[in-house]
Every structure is written in C-alpha cells, then in structure tokens.
C-alpha cells in the first residue's frame, strides 16, 4: 500500500451546498468524497446527510459505500419524491493497492500520471447539466451509480471537484497545474487562484463560453509519491 498526501479547498459562499469528506481508514487506506447539493432542491441538507452517513459507515470495501448510499437515497426519496433532497457524490476508496471510484451525478474525478489525464466520472465545463437526474435522491432505487476499479501506480495524482471549479477552467489547465505542482497544497492553491482570478476578471476562455459561472467550489487533491 502506497502512502499519500492530500489537500483541499472550499468556497461555499454562493449557495452553501458543497461538501466534502476525508476519512483515514488505517494502513494507508482512505476514502475521499465530494458532494454538490442541487440548488433549490434541498442541496445543503442532502450533501451534509451524505457526509454524515459516510463518516460513520463501516467501510471494508466498495460494497459498503454503495450500501450506505443506497440507504441515504431511500431516505431522500421517501421525503422528497425525487424532487427534493438531491446531491451529487463522487468517492474514491483506496484499499489493498486498488482504487475504487463510485459516483452519482456529474462531479468529476481525474486520474493524472505522467502525460496521461483520465476523467473517470462526471463532466467538465459548459452549462448543460445532466447530472441532476443521476443524483442521490432522484430515483427510488439507486441504479445509476458509476463504478470503476483501477490500480494505483507511484506518481499517481487524483482530483475530485465540484462544478464551481470545473465549469470555470479547462481540463488541460487543471491537469497542467496538477502535474507542475510539487505538493497537493500547491495544486490546491494554484487551481483555486486561477478560479479566483477569473471571478475577478469576469471573463473566461472561449471554449467555456466566456462567462464565469458563480457557484460553490470544492476540490480534493491526492498525490501518491513517485517511485524511489
């Protein structure tokens, strides 16, 4: 099992509906998660409820995470009927030298190593949001979870983010910053700084529609050390 280092940033000043969780599971195992509550649909309560459930769940493998999400989804649907208590969730679980990615909705997870950038889940950039239909609480049964398993190599860098980050920068910009950073803290500072500068300028690259999207923003940066 490889060790890793992690850093985060969060700005919840737009709606107060983003959330995140870092959970140390011992022996270099961990679970990281980001949630983006759906604005106007009880998103703040929903994202916090998912954090609370994942924080206390017994996690021996990815199926335990799925079971926790299914229980929360059932509670949300019973109360909100698929229209209220909605949130995305994207989770990475590192255990037994394997990375498990579990997500519902459109919050992306990126796997970066060397010159390779892989977007494992979610969407990046633009204004067409299709993730609400796949959010926790949107359907009576949680049949829309995306699940991926992949090995971790030395030098792997992982990013989980909400769309307040990824709607306001290109995937190439994000990946370039992460590759160039000497630590997760540097990556967090530089990515947040780019979004902040665009907020101040009010302008965006043409590929992103030239218009800054005001939203909560949250990101987790997890770095595994390179081979000795």
C-alpha atoms as a PDB file:
ATOM      1  CA  UNK A   1       0.000   0.000   0.000  1.00  0.00           C
ATOM      2  CA  UNK A   2       1.381   3.371  -1.011  1.00  0.00           C
ATOM      3  CA  UNK A   3       1.237   6.360   1.305  1.00  0.00           C
ATOM      4  CA  UNK A   4      -0.269   9.594   0.009  1.00  0.00           C
ATOM      5  CA  UNK A   5      -0.719  13.265   0.841  1.00  0.00           C
ATOM      6  CA  UNK A   6      -3.854  15.345   0.444  1.00  0.00           C
ATOM      7  CA  UNK A   7      -5.057  18.950   0.334  1.00  0.00           C
ATOM      8  CA  UNK A   8      -8.442  20.591  -0.166  1.00  0.00           C
ATOM      9  CA  UNK A   9     -10.096  23.911  -0.766  1.00  0.00           C
ATOM     10  CA  UNK A  10     -13.699  25.017  -0.456  1.00  0.00           C
ATOM     11  CA  UNK A  11     -15.629  28.224  -1.057  1.00  0.00           C
ATOM     12  CA  UNK A  12     -19.306  27.807  -0.184  1.00  0.00           C
ATOM     13  CA  UNK A  13     -20.207  31.484  -0.430  1.00  0.00           C
ATOM     14  CA  UNK A  14     -22.534  31.164  -3.448  1.00  0.00           C
ATOM     15  CA  UNK A  15     -25.130  28.660  -2.187  1.00  0.00           C
ATOM     16  CA  UNK A  16     -23.593  26.772   0.740  1.00  0.00           C
ATOM     17  CA  UNK A  17     -24.375  23.384  -0.788  1.00  0.00           C
ATOM     18  CA  UNK A  18     -20.970  21.799  -1.490  1.00  0.00           C
ATOM     19  CA  UNK A  19     -19.459  19.357   0.966  1.00  0.00           C
ATOM     20  CA  UNK A  20     -16.502  17.011   1.253  1.00  0.00           C
ATOM     21  CA  UNK A  21     -15.110  14.246   3.433  1.00  0.00           C
ATOM     22  CA  UNK A  22     -11.601  12.901   4.042  1.00  0.00           C
ATOM     23  CA  UNK A  23     -11.621   9.657   6.007  1.00  0.00           C
ATOM     24  CA  UNK A  24      -8.487   7.786   7.075  1.00  0.00           C
ATOM     25  CA  UNK A  25      -9.245   4.053   7.153  1.00  0.00           C
ATOM     26  CA  UNK A  26      -5.844   2.998   8.504  1.00  0.00           C
ATOM     27  CA  UNK A  27      -2.854   1.249   6.900  1.00  0.00           C
ATOM     28  CA  UNK A  28      -2.659   3.956   4.202  1.00  0.00           C
ATOM     29  CA  UNK A  29      -6.253   3.216   3.140  1.00  0.00           C
ATOM     30  CA  UNK A  30      -8.600   6.168   2.770  1.00  0.00           C
ATOM     31  CA  UNK A  31     -11.923   7.386   1.429  1.00  0.00           C
ATOM     32  CA  UNK A  32     -12.286  10.853  -0.104  1.00  0.00           C
ATOM     33  CA  UNK A  33     -15.611  12.280  -1.261  1.00  0.00           C
ATOM     34  CA  UNK A  34     -17.088  15.460  -2.702  1.00  0.00           C
ATOM     35  CA  UNK A  35     -20.773  16.352  -2.774  1.00  0.00           C
ATOM     36  CA  UNK A  36     -22.544  19.111  -4.725  1.00  0.00           C
ATOM     37  CA  UNK A  37     -26.057  19.671  -3.422  1.00  0.00           C
ATOM     38  CA  UNK A  38     -28.610  20.634  -6.062  1.00  0.00           C
ATOM     39  CA  UNK A  39     -29.607  24.296  -5.696  1.00  0.00           C
ATOM     40  CA  UNK A  40     -33.291  24.796  -4.966  1.00  0.00           C
ATOM     41  CA  UNK A  41     -33.760  21.124  -4.118  1.00  0.00           C
ATOM     42  CA  UNK A  42     -32.578  20.875  -0.517  1.00  0.00           C
ATOM     43  CA  UNK A  43     -28.980  20.542  -1.637  1.00  0.00           C
ATOM     44  CA  UNK A  44     -27.347  21.773   1.554  1.00  0.00           C
ATOM     45  CA  UNK A  45     -29.176  19.275   3.749  1.00  0.00           C
ATOM     46  CA  UNK A  46     -28.667  16.490   1.216  1.00  0.00           C
ATOM     47  CA  UNK A  47     -24.915  16.928   0.857  1.00  0.00           C
ATOM     48  CA  UNK A  48     -24.437  17.125   4.638  1.00  0.00           C
ATOM     49  CA  UNK A  49     -26.538  13.992   5.148  1.00  0.00           C
ATOM     50  CA  UNK A  50     -24.328  12.049   2.731  1.00  0.00           C
ATOM     51  CA  UNK A  51     -21.217  13.253   4.587  1.00  0.00           C
ATOM     52  CA  UNK A  52     -22.736  12.183   7.903  1.00  0.00           C
ATOM     53  CA  UNK A  53     -23.624   8.720   6.576  1.00  0.00           C
ATOM     54  CA  UNK A  54     -20.208   8.081   5.026  1.00  0.00           C
ATOM     55  CA  UNK A  55     -18.392   9.360   8.111  1.00  0.00           C
ATOM     56  CA  UNK A  56     -19.859   6.665  10.369  1.00  0.00           C
ATOM     57  CA  UNK A  57     -20.369   3.762   7.952  1.00  0.00           C
ATOM     58  CA  UNK A  58     -18.294   0.622   8.417  1.00  0.00           C
ATOM     59  CA  UNK A  59     -16.109   0.546   5.298  1.00  0.00           C
ATOM     60  CA  UNK A  60     -14.439  -2.768   4.480  1.00  0.00           C
ATOM     61  CA  UNK A  61     -14.785  -2.379   0.722  1.00  0.00           C
ATOM     62  CA  UNK A  62     -16.662  -0.541  -2.041  1.00  0.00           C
ATOM     63  CA  UNK A  63     -19.877  -2.505  -1.474  1.00  0.00           C
ATOM     64  CA  UNK A  64     -20.146  -0.936   1.984  1.00  0.00           C
ATOM     65  CA  UNK A  65     -20.040   2.517   0.394  1.00  0.00           C
ATOM     66  CA  UNK A  66     -22.755   1.518  -2.063  1.00  0.00           C
ATOM     67  CA  UNK A  67     -24.902   0.198   0.791  1.00  0.00           C
ATOM     68  CA  UNK A  68     -24.537   3.476   2.692  1.00  0.00           C
ATOM     69  CA  UNK A  69     -25.501   5.480  -0.391  1.00  0.00           C
ATOM     70  CA  UNK A  70     -28.486   3.234  -1.082  1.00  0.00           C
ATOM     71  CA  UNK A  71     -29.782   3.789   2.442  1.00  0.00           C
ATOM     72  CA  UNK A  72     -29.421   7.566   2.140  1.00  0.00           C
ATOM     73  CA  UNK A  73     -31.044   7.522  -1.297  1.00  0.00           C
ATOM     74  CA  UNK A  74     -34.052   5.652   0.073  1.00  0.00           C
ATOM     75  CA  UNK A  75     -34.467   8.196   2.865  1.00  0.00           C
ATOM     76  CA  UNK A  76     -34.161  11.115   0.444  1.00  0.00           C
ATOM     77  CA  UNK A  77     -36.701   9.680  -1.990  1.00  0.00           C
ATOM     78  CA  UNK A  78     -39.220   8.881   0.724  1.00  0.00           C
ATOM     79  CA  UNK A  79     -39.126  12.509   1.864  1.00  0.00           C
ATOM     80  CA  UNK A  80     -38.500  14.353  -1.389  1.00  0.00           C
ATOM     81  CA  UNK A  81     -40.086  12.120  -4.009  1.00  0.00           C
ATOM     82  CA  UNK A  82     -37.185  12.661  -6.391  1.00  0.00           C
ATOM     83  CA  UNK A  83     -37.652  16.436  -6.429  1.00  0.00           C
ATOM     84  CA  UNK A  84     -36.140  17.461  -3.088  1.00  0.00           C
ATOM     85  CA  UNK A  85     -33.038  16.348  -1.153  1.00  0.00           C
ATOM     86  CA  UNK A  86     -30.753  15.906  -4.156  1.00  0.00           C
ATOM     87  CA  UNK A  87     -26.959  15.867  -4.287  1.00  0.00           C
ATOM     88  CA  UNK A  88     -24.150  14.543  -6.420  1.00  0.00           C
ATOM     89  CA  UNK A  89     -21.445  12.431  -4.814  1.00  0.00           C
ATOM     90  CA  UNK A  90     -18.074  11.269  -6.104  1.00  0.00           C
ATOM     91  CA  UNK A  91     -15.966   8.976  -3.933  1.00  0.00           C
ATOM     92  CA  UNK A  92     -12.533   7.400  -4.162  1.00  0.00           C
ATOM     93  CA  UNK A  93     -11.633   4.458  -1.939  1.00  0.00           C
ATOM     94  CA  UNK A  94      -8.012   3.302  -1.803  1.00  0.00           C
ATOM     95  CA  UNK A  95      -7.695  -0.147  -0.317  1.00  0.00           C
ATOM     96  CA  UNK A  96      -5.475  -3.188  -0.960  1.00  0.00           C
ATOM     97  CA  UNK A  97      -3.482  -1.324  -3.630  1.00  0.00           C
ATOM     98  CA  UNK A  98      -6.634  -0.689  -5.678  1.00  0.00           C
ATOM     99  CA  UNK A  99      -8.558   2.500  -6.326  1.00  0.00           C
ATOM    100  CA  UNK A 100     -12.337   2.244  -6.360  1.00  0.00           C
ATOM    101  CA  UNK A 101     -14.332   5.162  -7.784  1.00  0.00           C
ATOM    102  CA  UNK A 102     -18.056   5.447  -7.069  1.00  0.00           C
ATOM    103  CA  UNK A 103     -20.188   8.357  -8.226  1.00  0.00           C
ATOM    104  CA  UNK A 104     -23.713   9.606  -8.763  1.00  0.00           C
ATOM    105  CA  UNK A 105     -24.250  12.828 -10.694  1.00  0.00           C
ATOM    106  CA  UNK A 106     -21.755  14.988 -12.535  1.00  0.00           C
ATOM    107  CA  UNK A 107     -18.928  15.843 -10.100  1.00  0.00           C
ATOM    108  CA  UNK A 108     -15.753  14.704 -11.885  1.00  0.00           C
ATOM    109  CA  UNK A 109     -12.822  12.618 -10.704  1.00  0.00           C
ATOM    110  CA  UNK A 110      -9.493  12.894 -12.527  1.00  0.00           C
ATOM    111  CA  UNK A 111      -6.612  10.410 -12.610  1.00  0.00           C
ATOM    112  CA  UNK A 112      -3.341  12.061 -13.661  1.00  0.00           C
ATOM    113  CA  UNK A 113       0.019  10.348 -14.098  1.00  0.00           C
ATOM    114  CA  UNK A 114       2.851  11.443 -16.360  1.00  0.00           C
ATOM    115  CA  UNK A 115       1.373  12.863 -19.559  1.00  0.00           C
ATOM    116  CA  UNK A 116      -1.874  10.935 -19.120  1.00  0.00           C
ATOM    117  CA  UNK A 117      -5.091  12.550 -17.897  1.00  0.00           C
ATOM    118  CA  UNK A 118      -8.162  10.385 -17.418  1.00  0.00           C
ATOM    119  CA  UNK A 119     -11.539  11.738 -16.408  1.00  0.00           C
ATOM    120  CA  UNK A 120     -13.092   8.791 -14.619  1.00  0.00           C
ATOM    121  CA  UNK A 121     -16.508  10.270 -13.809  1.00  0.00           C
ATOM    122  CA  UNK A 122     -18.604  13.387 -14.279  1.00  0.00           C
ATOM    123  CA  UNK A 123     -18.477  16.241 -16.736  1.00  0.00           C
ATOM    124  CA  UNK A 124     -16.169  19.178 -17.369  1.00  0.00           C
ATOM    125  CA  UNK A 125     -17.075  22.712 -18.437  1.00  0.00           C
ATOM    126  CA  UNK A 126     -20.132  24.280 -20.043  1.00  0.00           C
ATOM    127  CA  UNK A 127     -23.660  24.938 -18.832  1.00  0.00           C
ATOM    128  CA  UNK A 128     -25.594  21.798 -19.769  1.00  0.00           C
ATOM    129  CA  UNK A 129     -26.076  19.926 -16.525  1.00  0.00           C
ATOM    130  CA  UNK A 130     -27.395  16.396 -16.915  1.00  0.00           C
ATOM    131  CA  UNK A 131     -26.223  15.180 -13.529  1.00  0.00           C
ATOM    132  CA  UNK A 132     -29.375  16.059 -11.568  1.00  0.00           C
ATOM    133  CA  UNK A 133     -31.248  13.051 -12.965  1.00  0.00           C
ATOM    134  CA  UNK A 134     -28.444  10.816 -11.666  1.00  0.00           C
ATOM    135  CA  UNK A 135     -28.105  12.483  -8.265  1.00  0.00           C
ATOM    136  CA  UNK A 136     -28.622  10.798  -4.914  1.00  0.00           C
ATOM    137  CA  UNK A 137     -32.340  11.116  -4.125  1.00  0.00           C
ATOM    138  CA  UNK A 138     -33.512  11.475  -7.727  1.00  0.00           C
ATOM    139  CA  UNK A 139     -34.817   7.924  -8.166  1.00  0.00           C
ATOM    140  CA  UNK A 140     -36.499   5.428  -5.870  1.00  0.00           C
ATOM    141  CA  UNK A 141     -33.703   2.892  -6.308  1.00  0.00           C
ATOM    142  CA  UNK A 142     -30.068   3.830  -6.761  1.00  0.00           C
ATOM    143  CA  UNK A 143     -29.439   2.104 -10.094  1.00  0.00           C
ATOM    144  CA  UNK A 144     -27.357   4.871 -11.650  1.00  0.00           C
ATOM    145  CA  UNK A 145     -24.109   4.615  -9.685  1.00  0.00           C
ATOM    146  CA  UNK A 146     -20.976   4.679 -11.816  1.00  0.00           C
ATOM    147  CA  UNK A 147     -18.286   2.317 -10.516  1.00  0.00           C
ATOM    148  CA  UNK A 148     -14.674   1.906 -11.660  1.00  0.00           C
ATOM    149  CA  UNK A 149     -11.703  -0.003 -10.282  1.00  0.00           C
ATOM    150  CA  UNK A 150      -8.089   0.615 -11.279  1.00  0.00           C
ATOM    151  CA  UNK A 151      -4.599   0.043  -9.888  1.00  0.00           C
ATOM    152  CA  UNK A 152      -2.535   2.830  -8.361  1.00  0.00           C
ATOM    153  CA  UNK A 153       0.993   3.406  -9.622  1.00  0.00           C
ATOM    154  CA  UNK A 154       3.704   5.513  -7.986  1.00  0.00           C
ATOM    155  CA  UNK A 155       3.298   9.141  -9.006  1.00  0.00           C
ATOM    156  CA  UNK A 156      -0.479   8.974  -9.467  1.00  0.00           C
ATOM    157  CA  UNK A 157      -2.344  12.206  -8.733  1.00  0.00           C
ATOM    158  CA  UNK A 158      -6.094  12.319  -8.140  1.00  0.00           C
ATOM    159  CA  UNK A 159      -8.508  15.246  -8.190  1.00  0.00           C
ATOM    160  CA  UNK A 160     -12.144  15.306  -7.086  1.00  0.00           C
ATOM    161  CA  UNK A 161     -14.024  18.530  -7.783  1.00  0.00           C
ATOM    162  CA  UNK A 162     -17.423  20.162  -7.977  1.00  0.00           C
ATOM    163  CA  UNK A 163     -18.573  22.142 -10.975  1.00  0.00           C
ATOM    164  CA  UNK A 164     -17.791  25.511  -9.429  1.00  0.00           C
ATOM    165  CA  UNK A 165     -14.213  24.504 -10.231  1.00  0.00           C
ATOM    166  CA  UNK A 166     -14.587  22.523 -13.422  1.00  0.00           C
ATOM    167  CA  UNK A 167     -17.049  24.852 -15.155  1.00  0.00           C
ATOM    168  CA  UNK A 168     -14.520  27.666 -14.861  1.00  0.00           C
ATOM    169  CA  UNK A 169     -11.348  26.084 -16.219  1.00  0.00           C
ATOM    170  CA  UNK A 170     -10.354  23.680 -18.957  1.00  0.00           C
ATOM    171  CA  UNK A 171      -9.376  20.117 -18.124  1.00  0.00           C
ATOM    172  CA  UNK A 172      -5.992  20.806 -19.722  1.00  0.00           C
ATOM    173  CA  UNK A 173      -5.465  23.774 -17.403  1.00  0.00           C
ATOM    174  CA  UNK A 174      -6.363  21.710 -14.354  1.00  0.00           C
ATOM    175  CA  UNK A 175      -4.106  18.835 -15.394  1.00  0.00           C
ATOM    176  CA  UNK A 176      -1.176  21.132 -16.197  1.00  0.00           C
ATOM    177  CA  UNK A 177      -1.367  22.745 -12.750  1.00  0.00           C
ATOM    178  CA  UNK A 178      -1.555  19.371 -11.011  1.00  0.00           C
ATOM    179  CA  UNK A 179       1.412  17.998 -12.966  1.00  0.00           C
ATOM    180  CA  UNK A 180       3.540  21.071 -12.256  1.00  0.00           C
ATOM    181  CA  UNK A 181       2.764  21.157  -8.526  1.00  0.00           C
ATOM    182  CA  UNK A 182       5.287  19.853  -6.020  1.00  0.00           C
ATOM    183  CA  UNK A 183       2.577  19.087  -3.444  1.00  0.00           C
ATOM    184  CA  UNK A 184      -1.205  18.823  -3.111  1.00  0.00           C
ATOM    185  CA  UNK A 185      -1.187  22.145  -1.248  1.00  0.00           C
ATOM    186  CA  UNK A 186       0.481  23.866  -4.207  1.00  0.00           C
ATOM    187  CA  UNK A 187      -2.064  22.357  -6.586  1.00  0.00           C
ATOM    188  CA  UNK A 188      -4.973  23.452  -4.388  1.00  0.00           C
ATOM    189  CA  UNK A 189      -3.640  26.998  -4.089  1.00  0.00           C
ATOM    190  CA  UNK A 190      -2.942  27.366  -7.814  1.00  0.00           C
ATOM    191  CA  UNK A 191      -6.237  25.888  -9.018  1.00  0.00           C
ATOM    192  CA  UNK A 192      -8.242  27.984  -6.574  1.00  0.00           C
ATOM    193  CA  UNK A 193      -6.160  31.012  -7.546  1.00  0.00           C
ATOM    194  CA  UNK A 194      -6.982  30.574 -11.225  1.00  0.00           C
ATOM    195  CA  UNK A 195     -10.711  30.371 -10.490  1.00  0.00           C
ATOM    196  CA  UNK A 196     -10.476  33.396  -8.179  1.00  0.00           C
ATOM    197  CA  UNK A 197      -8.687  35.433 -10.847  1.00  0.00           C
ATOM    198  CA  UNK A 198     -11.355  34.617 -13.405  1.00  0.00           C
ATOM    199  CA  UNK A 199     -14.029  35.585 -10.924  1.00  0.00           C
ATOM    200  CA  UNK A 200     -12.305  38.945 -10.510  1.00  0.00           C
ATOM    201  CA  UNK A 201     -11.928  39.454 -14.248  1.00  0.00           C
ATOM    202  CA  UNK A 202     -15.410  38.179 -15.077  1.00  0.00           C
ATOM    203  CA  UNK A 203     -14.088  36.593 -18.259  1.00  0.00           C
ATOM    204  CA  UNK A 204     -13.449  33.046 -19.411  1.00  0.00           C
ATOM    205  CA  UNK A 205     -11.774  31.207 -22.288  1.00  0.00           C
ATOM    206  CA  UNK A 206     -13.937  30.979 -25.398  1.00  0.00           C
ATOM    207  CA  UNK A 207     -14.189  27.195 -25.002  1.00  0.00           C
ATOM    208  CA  UNK A 208     -16.022  27.748 -21.714  1.00  0.00           C
ATOM    209  CA  UNK A 209     -18.484  30.286 -23.067  1.00  0.00           C
ATOM    210  CA  UNK A 210     -16.622  33.439 -21.943  1.00  0.00           C
ATOM    211  CA  UNK A 211     -18.919  33.828 -18.921  1.00  0.00           C
ATOM    212  CA  UNK A 212     -17.837  32.993 -15.362  1.00  0.00           C
ATOM    213  CA  UNK A 213     -20.192  30.602 -13.602  1.00  0.00           C
ATOM    214  CA  UNK A 214     -20.793  31.611  -9.996  1.00  0.00           C
ATOM    215  CA  UNK A 215     -21.137  28.520  -7.838  1.00  0.00           C
ATOM    216  CA  UNK A 216     -19.743  26.904  -4.720  1.00  0.00           C
ATOM    217  CA  UNK A 217     -16.399  25.269  -5.398  1.00  0.00           C
ATOM    218  CA  UNK A 218     -14.696  22.362  -3.697  1.00  0.00           C
ATOM    219  CA  UNK A 219     -11.743  20.187  -4.663  1.00  0.00           C
ATOM    220  CA  UNK A 220      -9.614  17.421  -3.181  1.00  0.00           C
ATOM    221  CA  UNK A 221      -6.057  16.794  -4.408  1.00  0.00           C
ATOM    222  CA  UNK A 222      -4.477  13.450  -3.503  1.00  0.00           C
ATOM    223  CA  UNK A 223      -0.842  12.733  -4.500  1.00  0.00           C
ATOM    224  CA  UNK A 224       0.992   9.410  -4.363  1.00  0.00           C
ATOM    225  CA  UNK A 225       4.794   9.725  -4.288  1.00  0.00           C
ATOM    226  CA  UNK A 226       6.838   8.797  -7.375  1.00  0.00           C
ATOM    227  CA  UNK A 227       8.895   5.638  -7.453  1.00  0.00           C
ATOM    228  CA  UNK A 228      12.100   5.875  -5.454  1.00  0.00           C
END
